[in-house]
C-alpha atoms as a PDB file:
ATOM      1  CA  MET A   1     117.518 116.298  70.849  1.00  0.00           C
ATOM      2  CA  ILE A   2     114.008 115.189  70.050  1.00  0.00           C
ATOM      3  CA  ARG A   3     114.767 111.704  71.507  1.00  0.00           C
ATOM      4  CA  HIS A   4     116.076 113.365  74.699  1.00  0.00           C
ATOM      5  CA  ALA A   5     112.855 115.564  75.002  1.00  0.00           C
ATOM      6  CA  GLY A   6     110.665 112.419  74.626  1.00  0.00           C
ATOM      7  CA  PHE A   7     112.680 110.654  77.356  1.00  0.00           C
ATOM      8  CA  VAL A   8     112.247 113.544  79.685  1.00  0.00           C
ATOM      9  CA  ALA A   9     108.543 113.744  79.051  1.00  0.00           C
ATOM     10  CA  VAL A  10     107.957 110.041  79.734  1.00  0.00           C
ATOM     11  CA  THR A  11     110.084 110.166  82.904  1.00  0.00           C
ATOM     12  CA  ALA A  12     108.145 113.126  84.119  1.00  0.00           C
ATOM     13  CA  SER A  13     104.912 111.433  83.420  1.00  0.00           C
ATOM     14  CA  LEU A  14     105.882 108.300  85.274  1.00  0.00           C
ATOM     15  CA  LEU A  15     107.046 110.335  88.269  1.00  0.00           C
ATOM     16  CA  ALA A  16     103.861 112.243  88.457  1.00  0.00           C
ATOM     17  CA  SER A  17     101.670 109.131  88.229  1.00  0.00           C
ATOM     18  CA  SER A  18     103.638 107.443  91.110  1.00  0.00           C
ATOM     19  CA  ILE A  19     103.326 110.454  93.379  1.00  0.00           C
ATOM     20  CA  ALA A  20      99.510 110.660  92.799  1.00  0.00           C
ATOM     21  CA  GLN A  21      98.863 107.109  93.896  1.00  0.00           C
ATOM     22  CA  ALA A  22      97.723 106.843  97.605  1.00  0.00           C
ATOM     23  CA  GLN A  23      99.950 105.110 100.038  1.00  0.00           C
ATOM     24  CA  VAL A  24      98.175 102.122 101.720  1.00  0.00           C
ATOM     25  CA  GLY A  25      98.808 100.613 105.069  1.00  0.00           C
ATOM     26  CA  THR A  26      97.574  97.400 106.506  1.00  0.00           C
ATOM     27  CA  LEU A  27      96.500  97.514 110.165  1.00  0.00           C
ATOM     28  CA  GLN A  28      96.138  94.346 112.191  1.00  0.00           C
ATOM     29  CA  GLY A  29      95.755  93.742 115.930  1.00  0.00           C
ATOM     30  CA  VAL A  30      93.301  93.108 118.623  1.00  0.00           C
ATOM     31  CA  VAL A  31      90.194  94.861 119.643  1.00  0.00           C
ATOM     32  CA  SER A  32      89.454  94.611 123.402  1.00  0.00           C
ATOM     33  CA  GLY A  33      86.127  95.067 124.995  1.00  0.00           C
ATOM     34  CA  VAL A  34      83.939  93.764 122.074  1.00  0.00           C
ATOM     35  CA  GLN A  35      82.723  90.333 120.953  1.00  0.00           C
ATOM     36  CA  ALA A  36      83.578  88.525 117.843  1.00  0.00           C
ATOM     37  CA  GLY A  37      81.372  89.482 114.916  1.00  0.00           C
ATOM     38  CA  THR A  38      81.053  93.107 116.007  1.00  0.00           C
ATOM     39  CA  VAL A  39      81.460  95.639 113.297  1.00  0.00           C
ATOM     40  CA  LEU A  40      82.979  98.962 114.163  1.00  0.00           C
ATOM     41  CA  ALA A  41      82.783 102.103 111.934  1.00  0.00           C
ATOM     42  CA  VAL A  42      86.021 103.770 110.933  1.00  0.00           C
ATOM     43  CA  PHE A  43      86.010 107.467 110.129  1.00  0.00           C
ATOM     44  CA  LYS A  44      88.365 109.970 108.667  1.00  0.00           C
ATOM     45  CA  GLY A  45      87.057 113.328 109.793  1.00  0.00           C
ATOM     46  CA  ASP A  46      83.259 113.120 109.438  1.00  0.00           C
ATOM     47  CA  ALA A  47      83.323 110.604 106.515  1.00  0.00           C
ATOM     48  CA  LYS A  48      82.916 106.885 107.102  1.00  0.00           C
ATOM     49  CA  VAL A  49      85.698 105.070 105.195  1.00  0.00           C
ATOM     50  CA  ALA A  50      85.421 101.572 106.378  1.00  0.00           C
ATOM     51  CA  ASP A  51      83.944  98.854 108.589  1.00  0.00           C
ATOM     52  CA  LEU A  52      86.244  96.987 110.990  1.00  0.00           C
ATOM     53  CA  LYS A  53      84.851  93.512 111.583  1.00  0.00           C
ATOM     54  CA  VAL A  54      86.126  91.847 114.754  1.00  0.00           C
ATOM     55  CA  GLU A  55      87.102  88.153 114.293  1.00  0.00           C
ATOM     56  CA  ALA A  56      87.512  85.447 116.895  1.00  0.00           C
ATOM     57  CA  GLY A  57      89.806  86.375 119.706  1.00  0.00           C
ATOM     58  CA  GLY A  58      89.234  90.096 119.013  1.00  0.00           C
ATOM     59  CA  LYS A  59      91.562  90.074 115.957  1.00  0.00           C
ATOM     60  CA  TYR A  60      91.122  92.222 112.914  1.00  0.00           C
ATOM     61  CA  SER A  61      92.911  93.269 109.718  1.00  0.00           C
ATOM     62  CA  LEU A  62      92.186  96.331 107.684  1.00  0.00           C
ATOM     63  CA  ALA A  63      93.777  98.123 104.744  1.00  0.00           C
ATOM     64  CA  LEU A  64      93.533 101.984 104.812  1.00  0.00           C
ATOM     65  CA  ASN A  65      95.170 104.857 103.006  1.00  0.00           C
ATOM     66  CA  THR A  66      97.798 106.517 105.114  1.00  0.00           C
ATOM     67  CA  GLY A  67      96.239 108.909 107.629  1.00  0.00           C
ATOM     68  CA  ILE A  68      94.702 109.295 111.118  1.00  0.00           C
ATOM     69  CA  TYR A  69      91.381 107.580 111.624  1.00  0.00           C
ATOM     70  CA  THR A  70      88.769 107.369 114.489  1.00  0.00           C
ATOM     71  CA  VAL A  71      87.020 104.109 115.375  1.00  0.00           C
ATOM     72  CA  LYS A  72      83.583 104.281 116.896  1.00  0.00           C
ATOM     73  CA  CYS A  73      83.206 101.820 119.807  1.00  0.00           C
ATOM     74  CA  PRO A  74      79.782 100.530 120.945  1.00  0.00           C
ATOM     75  CA  ASN A  75      80.352 102.093 124.383  1.00  0.00           C
ATOM     76  CA  GLY A  76      80.780 105.675 122.881  1.00  0.00           C
ATOM     77  CA  THR A  77      84.479 105.893 123.072  1.00  0.00           C
ATOM     78  CA  ALA A  78      86.400 106.881 119.955  1.00  0.00           C
ATOM     79  CA  PRO A  79      90.052 105.784 119.935  1.00  0.00           C
ATOM     80  CA  ARG A  80      92.255 107.246 117.072  1.00  0.00           C
ATOM     81  CA  ILE A  81      94.452 104.971 114.971  1.00  0.00           C
ATOM     82  CA  ALA A  82      97.128 105.848 112.452  1.00  0.00           C
ATOM     83  CA  ALA A  83      97.718 103.973 109.191  1.00  0.00           C
ATOM     84  CA  LEU A  84     101.234 104.257 107.778  1.00  0.00           C
ATOM     85  CA  ASN A  85     102.768 103.020 104.510  1.00  0.00           C
ATOM     86  CA  GLY A  86     103.207  99.246 105.056  1.00  0.00           C
ATOM     87  CA  SER A  87     101.787  97.097 107.772  1.00  0.00           C
ATOM     88  CA  ALA A  88     101.537  97.820 111.453  1.00  0.00           C
ATOM     89  CA  THR A  89     100.045  96.153 114.561  1.00  0.00           C
ATOM     90  CA  VAL A  90      97.529  98.485 116.399  1.00  0.00           C
ATOM     91  CA  ASN A  91      95.560  97.347 119.324  1.00  0.00           C
ATOM     92  CA  ILE A  92      92.235  99.057 119.928  1.00  0.00           C
ATOM     93  CA  ASN A  93      90.703  99.436 123.426  1.00  0.00           C
ATOM     94  CA  CYS A  94      86.866  99.689 123.354  1.00  0.00           C
ATOM     95  CA  GLN A  95      86.509  98.983 127.173  1.00  0.00           C
END
């Protein structure tokens, strides 16, 4: 009986720790309307969570926890993007 209780405690502990970990999604795609080298701020609510650096050809890649984010474009627009568990292609329009 004691061995069974120990097994249950370890299983519950492992399950709780796996639930507590944040799910991470990788976003990649193209940002249109900005030049290579431009850095765009990424916000979740009012908190800045990342910088998105635009590479040659407008390409970018960014890892974020799952959720809905806002990208601040230089022209004042603020497109919203969603990061899901796993990888996704999201094109951002800053024109």
